[in-house]
């Protein structure tokens, strides 16, 4: 029997999507994801790369792991974190492009406004 695709209007799906975006709404978590774009890192490496304290970093790594965005791979006395689904970078790039376009349009509008309203 073929699988049926869940409806995107299903309240459970909508709640899960909202939770996913809540996880991504934290700047430190986006910073961690950016660091992991080049490959797996342990907590010490992530701390050095992000400047986050160990307790704060561990909290964010736990949230990202529980959300299924990262996975944790124990190796010896360390644990390495890596991206569980690389599509996260496509999503982030799409959002960054849109925001960049919007900021550029706002800057152009502001520049046009100032040039029209400057009295010299």
PDB file of N, CA and C in Angstrom:
ATOM      1  N   UNK A   1       0.837  -1.172   0.000  1.00  0.00           N
ATOM      2  CA  UNK A   1       0.000   0.000   0.000  1.00  0.00           C
ATOM      3  C   UNK A   1       0.894   1.251   0.000  1.00  0.00           C
ATOM      4  N   UNK A   2       0.655   2.220  -0.906  1.00  0.00           N
ATOM      5  CA  UNK A   2       1.497   3.418  -0.985  1.00  0.00           C
ATOM      6  C   UNK A   2       1.316   4.305   0.247  1.00  0.00           C
ATOM      7  N   UNK A   3       2.424   4.957   0.617  1.00  0.00           N
ATOM      8  CA  UNK A   3       2.374   5.895   1.737  1.00  0.00           C
ATOM      9  C   UNK A   3       1.643   7.151   1.309  1.00  0.00           C
ATOM     10  N   UNK A   4       0.844   7.683   2.210  1.00  0.00           N
ATOM     11  CA  UNK A   4       0.207   8.963   1.921  1.00  0.00           C
ATOM     12  C   UNK A   4       1.034  10.063   2.570  1.00  0.00           C
ATOM     13  N   UNK A   5       1.164  11.135   1.844  1.00  0.00           N
ATOM     14  CA  UNK A   5       1.942  12.264   2.329  1.00  0.00           C
ATOM     15  C   UNK A   5       1.108  13.034   3.356  1.00  0.00           C
ATOM     16  N   UNK A   6       1.701  13.386   4.518  1.00  0.00           N
ATOM     17  CA  UNK A   6       0.937  14.136   5.520  1.00  0.00           C
ATOM     18  C   UNK A   6       0.525  15.496   4.975  1.00  0.00           C
ATOM     19  N   UNK A   7      -0.635  15.940   5.358  1.00  0.00           N
ATOM     20  CA  UNK A   7      -1.140  17.232   4.923  1.00  0.00           C
ATOM     21  C   UNK A   7      -0.407  18.352   5.638  1.00  0.00           C
ATOM     22  N   UNK A   8      -0.011  19.378   4.887  1.00  0.00           N
ATOM     23  CA  UNK A   8       0.688  20.507   5.501  1.00  0.00           C
ATOM     24  C   UNK A   8      -0.280  21.401   6.267  1.00  0.00           C
ATOM     25  N   UNK A   9      -1.565  21.109   6.210  1.00  0.00           N
ATOM     26  CA  UNK A   9      -2.529  21.853   7.020  1.00  0.00           C
ATOM     27  C   UNK A   9      -2.866  21.106   8.309  1.00  0.00           C
ATOM     28  N   UNK A  10      -2.308  19.931   8.475  1.00  0.00           N
ATOM     29  CA  UNK A  10      -2.507  19.145   9.691  1.00  0.00           C
ATOM     30  C   UNK A  10      -1.916  19.915  10.873  1.00  0.00           C
ATOM     31  N   UNK A  11      -2.695  20.175  11.910  1.00  0.00           N
ATOM     32  CA  UNK A  11      -2.196  20.942  13.063  1.00  0.00           C
ATOM     33  C   UNK A  11      -0.928  20.351  13.683  1.00  0.00           C
ATOM     34  N   UNK A  12      -0.788  19.038  13.682  1.00  0.00           N
ATOM     35  CA  UNK A  12       0.418  18.417  14.243  1.00  0.00           C
ATOM     36  C   UNK A  12       1.641  18.755  13.398  1.00  0.00           C
ATOM     37  N   UNK A  13       1.478  18.772  12.073  1.00  0.00           N
ATOM     38  CA  UNK A  13       2.576  19.137  11.169  1.00  0.00           C
ATOM     39  C   UNK A  13       2.929  20.611  11.354  1.00  0.00           C
ATOM     40  N   UNK A  14       1.922  21.450  11.420  1.00  0.00           N
ATOM     41  CA  UNK A  14       2.154  22.886  11.599  1.00  0.00           C
ATOM     42  C   UNK A  14       2.889  23.145  12.913  1.00  0.00           C
ATOM     43  N   UNK A  15       2.492  22.462  13.975  1.00  0.00           N
ATOM     44  CA  UNK A  15       3.162  22.627  15.275  1.00  0.00           C
ATOM     45  C   UNK A  15       4.618  22.177  15.201  1.00  0.00           C
ATOM     46  N   UNK A  16       4.874  21.082  14.504  1.00  0.00           N
ATOM     47  CA  UNK A  16       6.249  20.579  14.366  1.00  0.00           C
ATOM     48  C   UNK A  16       7.110  21.561  13.568  1.00  0.00           C
ATOM     49  N   UNK A  17       6.540  22.139  12.523  1.00  0.00           N
ATOM     50  CA  UNK A  17       7.276  23.130  11.719  1.00  0.00           C
ATOM     51  C   UNK A  17       7.571  24.369  12.569  1.00  0.00           C
ATOM     52  N   UNK A  18       6.586  24.810  13.336  1.00  0.00           N
ATOM     53  CA  UNK A  18       6.792  25.974  14.209  1.00  0.00           C
ATOM     54  C   UNK A  18       7.905  25.693  15.220  1.00  0.00           C
ATOM     55  N   UNK A  19       7.909  24.495  15.796  1.00  0.00           N
ATOM     56  CA  UNK A  19       8.961  24.129  16.744  1.00  0.00           C
ATOM     57  C   UNK A  19      10.330  24.124  16.079  1.00  0.00           C
ATOM     58  N   UNK A  20      10.405  23.633  14.838  1.00  0.00           N
ATOM     59  CA  UNK A  20      11.662  23.593  14.083  1.00  0.00           C
ATOM     60  C   UNK A  20      12.195  25.010  13.889  1.00  0.00           C
ATOM     61  N   UNK A  21      11.304  25.923  13.497  1.00  0.00           N
ATOM     62  CA  UNK A  21      11.737  27.306  13.293  1.00  0.00           C
ATOM     63  C   UNK A  21      12.094  27.986  14.608  1.00  0.00           C
ATOM     64  N   UNK A  22      11.463  27.593  15.708  1.00  0.00           N
ATOM     65  CA  UNK A  22      11.843  28.133  17.020  1.00  0.00           C
ATOM     66  C   UNK A  22      13.286  27.761  17.338  1.00  0.00           C
ATOM     67  N   UNK A  23      13.658  26.540  17.017  1.00  0.00           N
ATOM     68  CA  UNK A  23      15.032  26.096  17.252  1.00  0.00           C
ATOM     69  C   UNK A  23      15.997  26.961  16.450  1.00  0.00           C
ATOM     70  N   UNK A  24      15.621  27.287  15.232  1.00  0.00           N
ATOM     71  CA  UNK A  24      16.496  28.071  14.352  1.00  0.00           C
ATOM     72  C   UNK A  24      16.442  29.572  14.634  1.00  0.00           C
ATOM     73  N   UNK A  25      15.564  29.996  15.530  1.00  0.00           N
ATOM     74  CA  UNK A  25      15.408  31.432  15.778  1.00  0.00           C
ATOM     75  C   UNK A  25      16.452  32.000  16.739  1.00  0.00           C
ATOM     76  N   UNK A  26      17.354  31.190  17.207  1.00  0.00           N
ATOM     77  CA  UNK A  26      18.384  31.595  18.163  1.00  0.00           C
ATOM     78  C   UNK A  26      19.693  31.814  17.419  1.00  0.00           C
ATOM     79  N   UNK A  27      20.241  33.011  17.524  1.00  0.00           N
ATOM     80  CA  UNK A  27      21.466  33.360  16.810  1.00  0.00           C
ATOM     81  C   UNK A  27      22.649  32.449  17.105  1.00  0.00           C
ATOM     82  N   UNK A  28      22.805  32.049  18.355  1.00  0.00           N
ATOM     83  CA  UNK A  28      23.931  31.174  18.710  1.00  0.00           C
ATOM     84  C   UNK A  28      23.817  29.828  18.006  1.00  0.00           C
ATOM     85  N   UNK A  29      22.599  29.348  17.844  1.00  0.00           N
ATOM     86  CA  UNK A  29      22.408  28.056  17.157  1.00  0.00           C
ATOM     87  C   UNK A  29      22.754  28.185  15.683  1.00  0.00           C
ATOM     88  N   UNK A  30      22.406  29.298  15.079  1.00  0.00           N
ATOM     89  CA  UNK A  30      22.772  29.509  13.673  1.00  0.00           C
ATOM     90  C   UNK A  30      24.294  29.615  13.539  1.00  0.00           C
ATOM     91  N   UNK A  31      24.933  30.210  14.511  1.00  0.00           N
ATOM     92  CA  UNK A  31      26.395  30.313  14.520  1.00  0.00           C
ATOM     93  C   UNK A  31      27.012  28.912  14.594  1.00  0.00           C
ATOM     94  N   UNK A  32      26.460  28.054  15.434  1.00  0.00           N
ATOM     95  CA  UNK A  32      26.940  26.674  15.551  1.00  0.00           C
ATOM     96  C   UNK A  32      26.774  25.945  14.220  1.00  0.00           C
ATOM     97  N   UNK A  33      25.611  26.095  13.599  1.00  0.00           N
ATOM     98  CA  UNK A  33      25.368  25.430  12.312  1.00  0.00           C
ATOM     99  C   UNK A  33      26.358  25.899  11.262  1.00  0.00           C
ATOM    100  N   UNK A  34      26.648  27.177  11.253  1.00  0.00           N
ATOM    101  CA  UNK A  34      27.613  27.720  10.297  1.00  0.00           C
ATOM    102  C   UNK A  34      28.990  27.084  10.506  1.00  0.00           C
ATOM    103  N   UNK A  35      29.384  26.914  11.759  1.00  0.00           N
ATOM    104  CA  UNK A  35      30.675  26.284  12.051  1.00  0.00           C
ATOM    105  C   UNK A  35      30.713  24.836  11.582  1.00  0.00           C
ATOM    106  N   UNK A  36      29.583  24.152  11.666  1.00  0.00           N
ATOM    107  CA  UNK A  36      29.537  22.734  11.304  1.00  0.00           C
ATOM    108  C   UNK A  36      29.359  22.502   9.807  1.00  0.00           C
ATOM    109  N   UNK A  37      29.226  23.577   9.065  1.00  0.00           N
ATOM    110  CA  UNK A  37      29.045  23.435   7.616  1.00  0.00           C
ATOM    111  C   UNK A  37      30.245  22.741   6.972  1.00  0.00           C
ATOM    112  N   UNK A  38      31.426  22.966   7.520  1.00  0.00           N
ATOM    113  CA  UNK A  38      32.632  22.370   6.940  1.00  0.00           C
ATOM    114  C   UNK A  38      32.926  20.968   7.467  1.00  0.00           C
ATOM    115  N   UNK A  39      32.150  20.511   8.446  1.00  0.00           N
ATOM    116  CA  UNK A  39      32.348  19.161   8.963  1.00  0.00           C
ATOM    117  C   UNK A  39      32.169  19.073  10.469  1.00  0.00           C
ATOM    118  N   UNK A  40      32.271  17.860  10.980  1.00  0.00           N
ATOM    119  CA  UNK A  40      32.050  17.589  12.402  1.00  0.00           C
ATOM    120  C   UNK A  40      33.087  18.295  13.276  1.00  0.00           C
ATOM    121  N   UNK A  41      32.639  18.705  14.454  1.00  0.00           N
ATOM    122  CA  UNK A  41      33.513  19.347  15.433  1.00  0.00           C
ATOM    123  C   UNK A  41      33.118  18.878  16.825  1.00  0.00           C
ATOM    124  N   UNK A  42      34.104  18.880  17.734  1.00  0.00           N
ATOM    125  CA  UNK A  42      33.767  18.558  19.115  1.00  0.00           C
ATOM    126  C   UNK A  42      33.435  19.845  19.871  1.00  0.00           C
ATOM    127  N   UNK A  43      33.018  19.699  21.121  1.00  0.00           N
ATOM    128  CA  UNK A  43      32.579  20.848  21.912  1.00  0.00           C
ATOM    129  C   UNK A  43      33.698  21.882  22.073  1.00  0.00           C
ATOM    130  N   UNK A  44      34.912  21.417  22.317  1.00  0.00           N
ATOM    131  CA  UNK A  44      36.032  22.339  22.491  1.00  0.00           C
ATOM    132  C   UNK A  44      36.264  23.155  21.207  1.00  0.00           C
ATOM    133  N   UNK A  45      36.241  22.491  20.063  1.00  0.00           N
ATOM    134  CA  UNK A  45      36.432  23.190  18.782  1.00  0.00           C
ATOM    135  C   UNK A  45      35.297  24.180  18.534  1.00  0.00           C
ATOM    136  N   UNK A  46      34.067  23.764  18.835  1.00  0.00           N
ATOM    137  CA  UNK A  46      32.922  24.659  18.646  1.00  0.00           C
ATOM    138  C   UNK A  46      33.007  25.860  19.585  1.00  0.00           C
ATOM    139  N   UNK A  47      33.454  25.621  20.812  1.00  0.00           N
ATOM    140  CA  UNK A  47      33.614  26.721  21.761  1.00  0.00           C
ATOM    141  C   UNK A  47      34.621  27.743  21.273  1.00  0.00           C
ATOM    142  N   UNK A  48      35.737  27.267  20.742  1.00  0.00           N
ATOM    143  CA  UNK A  48      36.757  28.170  20.204  1.00  0.00           C
ATOM    144  C   UNK A  48      36.239  28.923  18.979  1.00  0.00           C
ATOM    145  N   UNK A  49      35.504  28.225  18.132  1.00  0.00           N
ATOM    146  CA  UNK A  49      35.011  28.838  16.893  1.00  0.00           C
ATOM    147  C   UNK A  49      33.897  29.851  17.138  1.00  0.00           C
ATOM    148  N   UNK A  50      33.061  29.597  18.145  1.00  0.00           N
ATOM    149  CA  UNK A  50      31.904  30.465  18.380  1.00  0.00           C
ATOM    150  C   UNK A  50      32.119  31.483  19.484  1.00  0.00           C
ATOM    151  N   UNK A  51      33.041  31.187  20.402  1.00  0.00           N
ATOM    152  CA  UNK A  51      33.227  32.064  21.549  1.00  0.00           C
ATOM    153  C   UNK A  51      32.194  31.841  22.646  1.00  0.00           C
ATOM    154  N   UNK A  52      31.351  30.836  22.482  1.00  0.00           N
ATOM    155  CA  UNK A  52      30.335  30.535  23.491  1.00  0.00           C
ATOM    156  C   UNK A  52      30.961  29.756  24.643  1.00  0.00           C
ATOM    157  N   UNK A  53      30.473  29.997  25.842  1.00  0.00           N
ATOM    158  CA  UNK A  53      30.926  29.241  27.001  1.00  0.00           C
ATOM    159  C   UNK A  53      30.424  27.810  26.915  1.00  0.00           C
ATOM    160  N   UNK A  54      31.085  26.909  27.620  1.00  0.00           N
ATOM    161  CA  UNK A  54      30.754  25.493  27.509  1.00  0.00           C
ATOM    162  C   UNK A  54      29.318  25.188  27.925  1.00  0.00           C
ATOM    163  N   UNK A  55      28.833  25.775  29.009  1.00  0.00           N
ATOM    164  CA  UNK A  55      27.465  25.500  29.467  1.00  0.00           C
ATOM    165  C   UNK A  55      26.446  25.980  28.436  1.00  0.00           C
ATOM    166  N   UNK A  56      26.653  27.187  27.928  1.00  0.00           N
ATOM    167  CA  UNK A  56      25.752  27.752  26.926  1.00  0.00           C
ATOM    168  C   UNK A  56      25.786  26.926  25.637  1.00  0.00           C
ATOM    169  N   UNK A  57      26.977  26.577  25.210  1.00  0.00           N
ATOM    170  CA  UNK A  57      27.158  25.779  24.007  1.00  0.00           C
ATOM    171  C   UNK A  57      26.493  24.418  24.152  1.00  0.00           C
ATOM    172  N   UNK A  58      26.698  23.777  25.286  1.00  0.00           N
ATOM    173  CA  UNK A  58      26.102  22.459  25.524  1.00  0.00           C
ATOM    174  C   UNK A  58      24.577  22.521  25.475  1.00  0.00           C
ATOM    175  N   UNK A  59      24.016  23.593  26.024  1.00  0.00           N
ATOM    176  CA  UNK A  59      22.554  23.776  25.994  1.00  0.00           C
ATOM    177  C   UNK A  59      22.057  23.847  24.549  1.00  0.00           C
ATOM    178  N   UNK A  60      22.726  24.643  23.730  1.00  0.00           N
ATOM    179  CA  UNK A  60      22.309  24.796  22.332  1.00  0.00           C
ATOM    180  C   UNK A  60      22.520  23.506  21.531  1.00  0.00           C
ATOM    181  N   UNK A  61      23.607  22.812  21.793  1.00  0.00           N
ATOM    182  CA  UNK A  61      23.853  21.542  21.093  1.00  0.00           C
ATOM    183  C   UNK A  61      22.774  20.520  21.441  1.00  0.00           C
ATOM    184  N   UNK A  62      22.354  20.504  22.686  1.00  0.00           N
ATOM    185  CA  UNK A  62      21.286  19.583  23.103  1.00  0.00           C
ATOM    186  C   UNK A  62      19.991  19.895  22.366  1.00  0.00           C
ATOM    187  N   UNK A  63      19.632  21.173  22.282  1.00  0.00           N
ATOM    188  CA  UNK A  63      18.403  21.574  21.589  1.00  0.00           C
ATOM    189  C   UNK A  63      18.475  21.187  20.114  1.00  0.00           C
ATOM    190  N   UNK A  64      19.602  21.471  19.469  1.00  0.00           N
ATOM    191  CA  UNK A  64      19.768  21.154  18.045  1.00  0.00           C
ATOM    192  C   UNK A  64      19.739  19.647  17.799  1.00  0.00           C
ATOM    193  N   UNK A  65      20.304  18.891  18.725  1.00  0.00           N
ATOM    194  CA  UNK A  65      20.309  17.434  18.599  1.00  0.00           C
ATOM    195  C   UNK A  65      18.910  16.864  18.806  1.00  0.00           C
ATOM    196  N   UNK A  66      18.206  17.353  19.824  1.00  0.00           N
ATOM    197  CA  UNK A  66      16.848  16.880  20.078  1.00  0.00           C
ATOM    198  C   UNK A  66      15.900  17.210  18.933  1.00  0.00           C
ATOM    199  N   UNK A  67      16.180  18.308  18.226  1.00  0.00           N
ATOM    200  CA  UNK A  67      15.346  18.706  17.087  1.00  0.00           C
ATOM    201  C   UNK A  67      15.672  17.902  15.832  1.00  0.00           C
ATOM    202  N   UNK A  68      16.726  17.084  15.889  1.00  0.00           N
ATOM    203  CA  UNK A  68      17.108  16.281  14.738  1.00  0.00           C
ATOM    204  C   UNK A  68      17.937  17.035  13.713  1.00  0.00           C
ATOM    205  N   UNK A  69      18.406  18.212  14.065  1.00  0.00           N
ATOM    206  CA  UNK A  69      19.209  19.016  13.147  1.00  0.00           C
ATOM    207  C   UNK A  69      20.669  18.572  13.186  1.00  0.00           C
ATOM    208  N   UNK A  70      21.122  18.177  14.378  1.00  0.00           N
ATOM    209  CA  UNK A  70      22.483  17.657  14.551  1.00  0.00           C
ATOM    210  C   UNK A  70      22.414  16.223  15.040  1.00  0.00           C
ATOM    211  N   UNK A  71      23.496  15.513  14.822  1.00  0.00           N
ATOM    212  CA  UNK A  71      23.640  14.267  15.558  1.00  0.00           C
ATOM    213  C   UNK A  71      24.984  14.249  16.236  1.00  0.00           C
ATOM    214  N   UNK A  72      25.016  13.528  17.331  1.00  0.00           N
ATOM    215  CA  UNK A  72      26.174  13.466  18.225  1.00  0.00           C
ATOM    216  C   UNK A  72      26.834  12.115  18.069  1.00  0.00           C
ATOM    217  N   UNK A  73      28.134  12.144  17.822  1.00  0.00           N
ATOM    218  CA  UNK A  73      28.897  10.909  17.622  1.00  0.00           C
ATOM    219  C   UNK A  73      30.002  10.840  18.666  1.00  0.00           C
ATOM    220  N   UNK A  74      29.839   9.985  19.698  1.00  0.00           N
ATOM    221  CA  UNK A  74      30.913   9.848  20.688  1.00  0.00           C
ATOM    222  C   UNK A  74      32.166   9.235  20.056  1.00  0.00           C
ATOM    223  N   UNK A  75      33.319   9.821  20.360  1.00  0.00           N
ATOM    224  CA  UNK A  75      34.617   9.297  19.897  1.00  0.00           C
ATOM    225  C   UNK A  75      35.605   9.447  21.037  1.00  0.00           C
ATOM    226  N   UNK A  76      35.939   8.334  21.656  1.00  0.00           N
ATOM    227  CA  UNK A  76      36.858   8.369  22.791  1.00  0.00           C
ATOM    228  C   UNK A  76      36.261   9.173  23.924  1.00  0.00           C
ATOM    229  N   UNK A  77      37.018  10.167  24.391  1.00  0.00           N
ATOM    230  CA  UNK A  77      36.543  10.998  25.495  1.00  0.00           C
ATOM    231  C   UNK A  77      35.768  12.219  25.015  1.00  0.00           C
ATOM    232  N   UNK A  78      35.642  12.387  23.716  1.00  0.00           N
ATOM    233  CA  UNK A  78      34.925  13.530  23.146  1.00  0.00           C
ATOM    234  C   UNK A  78      33.672  13.071  22.434  1.00  0.00           C
ATOM    235  N   UNK A  79      32.856  14.047  22.112  1.00  0.00           N
ATOM    236  CA  UNK A  79      31.695  13.799  21.263  1.00  0.00           C
ATOM    237  C   UNK A  79      31.772  14.810  20.123  1.00  0.00           C
ATOM    238  N   UNK A  80      31.553  14.323  18.931  1.00  0.00           N
ATOM    239  CA  UNK A  80      31.577  15.189  17.758  1.00  0.00           C
ATOM    240  C   UNK A  80      30.151  15.420  17.286  1.00  0.00           C
ATOM    241  N   UNK A  81      29.897  16.651  16.887  1.00  0.00           N
ATOM    242  CA  UNK A  81      28.577  17.025  16.393  1.00  0.00           C
ATOM    243  C   UNK A  81      28.684  17.296  14.909  1.00  0.00           C
ATOM    244  N   UNK A  82      27.660  16.854  14.190  1.00  0.00           N
ATOM    245  CA  UNK A  82      27.602  17.158  12.763  1.00  0.00           C
ATOM    246  C   UNK A  82      26.167  17.320  12.323  1.00  0.00           C
ATOM    247  N   UNK A  83      26.021  17.893  11.163  1.00  0.00           N
ATOM    248  CA  UNK A  83      24.701  18.174  10.604  1.00  0.00           C
ATOM    249  C   UNK A  83      24.019  16.859  10.247  1.00  0.00           C
ATOM    250  N   UNK A  84      22.782  16.697  10.704  1.00  0.00           N
ATOM    251  CA  UNK A  84      22.029  15.478  10.413  1.00  0.00           C
ATOM    252  C   UNK A  84      21.388  15.550   9.030  1.00  0.00           C
ATOM    253  N   UNK A  85      20.979  16.732   8.611  1.00  0.00           N
ATOM    254  CA  UNK A  85      20.330  16.895   7.313  1.00  0.00           C
ATOM    255  C   UNK A  85      20.856  18.169   6.655  1.00  0.00           C
ATOM    256  N   UNK A  86      21.719  18.028   5.646  1.00  0.00           N
ATOM    257  CA  UNK A  86      22.343  19.197   5.012  1.00  0.00           C
ATOM    258  C   UNK A  86      21.363  20.167   4.346  1.00  0.00           C
ATOM    259  N   UNK A  87      20.105  19.782   4.199  1.00  0.00           N
ATOM    260  CA  UNK A  87      19.130  20.701   3.598  1.00  0.00           C
ATOM    261  C   UNK A  87      18.965  21.958   4.448  1.00  0.00           C
ATOM    262  N   UNK A  88      19.388  21.886   5.699  1.00  0.00           N
ATOM    263  CA  UNK A  88      19.318  23.050   6.584  1.00  0.00           C
ATOM    264  C   UNK A  88      20.070  24.231   5.975  1.00  0.00           C
ATOM    265  N   UNK A  89      21.163  23.948   5.255  1.00  0.00           N
ATOM    266  CA  UNK A  89      21.945  25.030   4.656  1.00  0.00           C
ATOM    267  C   UNK A  89      21.212  25.660   3.477  1.00  0.00           C
ATOM    268  N   UNK A  90      20.473  24.860   2.718  1.00  0.00           N
ATOM    269  CA  UNK A  90      19.664  25.423   1.630  1.00  0.00           C
ATOM    270  C   UNK A  90      18.591  26.335   2.193  1.00  0.00           C
ATOM    271  N   UNK A  91      17.973  25.896   3.281  1.00  0.00           N
ATOM    272  CA  UNK A  91      16.946  26.702   3.932  1.00  0.00           C
ATOM    273  C   UNK A  91      17.545  28.023   4.419  1.00  0.00           C
ATOM    274  N   UNK A  92      18.676  27.953   5.093  1.00  0.00           N
ATOM    275  CA  UNK A  92      19.323  29.158   5.613  1.00  0.00           C
ATOM    276  C   UNK A  92      19.760  30.094   4.489  1.00  0.00           C
ATOM    277  N   UNK A  93      20.300  29.540   3.412  1.00  0.00           N
ATOM    278  CA  UNK A  93      20.719  30.379   2.281  1.00  0.00           C
ATOM    279  C   UNK A  93      19.524  31.073   1.642  1.00  0.00           C
ATOM    280  N   UNK A  94      18.420  30.371   1.501  1.00  0.00           N
ATOM    281  CA  UNK A  94      17.216  30.964   0.934  1.00  0.00           C
ATOM    282  C   UNK A  94      16.746  32.131   1.791  1.00  0.00           C
ATOM    283  N   UNK A  95      16.694  31.928   3.094  1.00  0.00           N
ATOM    284  CA  UNK A  95      16.257  32.990   4.005  1.00  0.00           C
ATOM    285  C   UNK A  95      17.237  34.148   3.972  1.00  0.00           C
ATOM    286  N   UNK A  96      18.536  33.861   3.996  1.00  0.00           N
ATOM    287  CA  UNK A  96      19.556  34.926   3.960  1.00  0.00           C
ATOM    288  C   UNK A  96      19.451  35.751   2.681  1.00  0.00           C
ATOM    289  N   UNK A  97      19.239  35.091   1.557  1.00  0.00           N
ATOM    290  CA  UNK A  97      19.097  35.809   0.288  1.00  0.00           C
ATOM    291  C   UNK A  97      17.903  36.751   0.328  1.00  0.00           C
ATOM    292  N   UNK A  98      16.777  36.258   0.822  1.00  0.00           N
ATOM    293  CA  UNK A  98      15.567  37.087   0.896  1.00  0.00           C
ATOM    294  C   UNK A  98      15.777  38.287   1.806  1.00  0.00           C
ATOM    295  N   UNK A  99      16.382  38.061   2.955  1.00  0.00           N
ATOM    296  CA  UNK A  99      16.619  39.150   3.895  1.00  0.00           C
ATOM    297  C   UNK A  99      17.594  40.155   3.301  1.00  0.00           C
ATOM    298  N   UNK A 100      18.634  39.672   2.657  1.00  0.00           N
ATOM    299  CA  UNK A 100      19.606  40.556   2.020  1.00  0.00           C
ATOM    300  C   UNK A 100      18.943  41.410   0.941  1.00  0.00           C
ATOM    301  N   UNK A 101      18.089  40.799   0.132  1.00  0.00           N
ATOM    302  CA  UNK A 101      17.366  41.543  -0.901  1.00  0.00           C
ATOM    303  C   UNK A 101      16.481  42.622  -0.272  1.00  0.00           C
ATOM    304  N   UNK A 102      15.788  42.257   0.806  1.00  0.00           N
ATOM    305  CA  UNK A 102      14.891  43.200   1.465  1.00  0.00           C
ATOM    306  C   UNK A 102      15.679  44.368   2.056  1.00  0.00           C
ATOM    307  N   UNK A 103      16.814  44.088   2.671  1.00  0.00           N
ATOM    308  CA  UNK A 103      17.640  45.148   3.260  1.00  0.00           C
ATOM    309  C   UNK A 103      18.166  46.067   2.164  1.00  0.00           C
ATOM    310  N   UNK A 104      18.566  45.477   1.045  1.00  0.00           N
ATOM    311  CA  UNK A 104      19.070  46.269  -0.074  1.00  0.00           C
ATOM    312  C   UNK A 104      17.962  47.175  -0.634  1.00  0.00           C
ATOM    313  N   UNK A 105      16.750  46.641  -0.752  1.00  0.00           N
ATOM    314  CA  UNK A 105      15.626  47.447  -1.240  1.00  0.00           C
ATOM    315  C   UNK A 105      15.309  48.583  -0.270  1.00  0.00           C
ATOM    316  N   UNK A 106      15.346  48.292   1.020  1.00  0.00           N
ATOM    317  CA  UNK A 106      15.087  49.327   2.025  1.00  0.00           C
ATOM    318  C   UNK A 106      16.149  50.421   1.968  1.00  0.00           C
ATOM    319  N   UNK A 107      17.402  50.021   1.779  1.00  0.00           N
ATOM    320  CA  UNK A 107      18.491  51.002   1.689  1.00  0.00           C
ATOM    321  C   UNK A 107      18.308  51.884   0.458  1.00  0.00           C
ATOM    322  N   UNK A 108      17.915  51.281  -0.658  1.00  0.00           N
ATOM    323  CA  UNK A 108      17.690  52.059  -1.878  1.00  0.00           C
ATOM    324  C   UNK A 108      16.511  53.009  -1.712  1.00  0.00           C
ATOM    325  N   UNK A 109      15.458  52.552  -1.061  1.00  0.00           N
ATOM    326  CA  UNK A 109      14.297  53.405  -0.805  1.00  0.00           C
ATOM    327  C   UNK A 109      14.669  54.571   0.096  1.00  0.00           C
ATOM    328  N   UNK A 110      15.458  54.298   1.119  1.00  0.00           N
ATOM    329  CA  UNK A 110      15.889  55.345   2.037  1.00  0.00           C
ATOM    330  C   UNK A 110      16.774  56.353   1.315  1.00  0.00           C
ATOM    331  N   UNK A 111      17.659  55.860   0.467  1.00  0.00           N
ATOM    332  CA  UNK A 111      18.543  56.745  -0.300  1.00  0.00           C
ATOM    333  C   UNK A 111      17.713  57.630  -1.237  1.00  0.00           C
ATOM    334  N   UNK A 112      16.726  57.048  -1.905  1.00  0.00           N
ATOM    335  CA  UNK A 112      15.858  57.812  -2.802  1.00  0.00           C
ATOM    336  C   UNK A 112      15.056  58.849  -2.011  1.00  0.00           C
ATOM    337  N   UNK A 113      14.576  58.467  -0.841  1.00  0.00           N
ATOM    338  CA  UNK A 113      13.817  59.382   0.003  1.00  0.00           C
ATOM    339  C   UNK A 113      14.673  60.567   0.409  1.00  0.00           C
ATOM    340  N   UNK A 114      15.907  60.293   0.837  1.00  0.00           N
ATOM    341  CA  UNK A 114      16.789  61.372   1.275  1.00  0.00           C
ATOM    342  C   UNK A 114      17.165  62.296   0.114  1.00  0.00           C
ATOM    343  N   UNK A 115      17.369  61.721  -1.063  1.00  0.00           N
ATOM    344  CA  UNK A 115      17.748  62.562  -2.203  1.00  0.00           C
ATOM    345  C   UNK A 115      16.569  63.462  -2.629  1.00  0.00           C
ATOM    346  N   UNK A 116      15.342  63.000  -2.456  1.00  0.00           N
ATOM    347  CA  UNK A 116      14.151  63.822  -2.805  1.00  0.00           C
ATOM    348  C   UNK A 116      13.890  64.892  -1.766  1.00  0.00           C
ATOM    349  N   UNK A 117      14.247  64.609  -0.524  1.00  0.00           N
ATOM    350  CA  UNK A 117      13.896  65.517   0.574  1.00  0.00           C
ATOM    351  C   UNK A 117      15.065  66.344   1.093  1.00  0.00           C
ATOM    352  N   UNK A 118      16.169  66.314   0.385  1.00  0.00           N
ATOM    353  CA  UNK A 118      17.314  67.101   0.805  1.00  0.00           C
ATOM    354  C   UNK A 118      17.194  68.484   0.185  1.00  0.00           C
ATOM    355  N   UNK A 119      17.255  69.496   1.025  1.00  0.00           N
ATOM    356  CA  UNK A 119      17.139  70.873   0.553  1.00  0.00           C
ATOM    357  C   UNK A 119      18.524  71.517   0.607  1.00  0.00           C
ATOM    358  N   UNK A 120      19.051  71.840  -0.572  1.00  0.00           N
ATOM    359  CA  UNK A 120      20.345  72.512  -0.665  1.00  0.00           C
ATOM    360  C   UNK A 120      20.244  73.633  -1.621  1.00  0.00           C
TER     361      UNK A 120
END
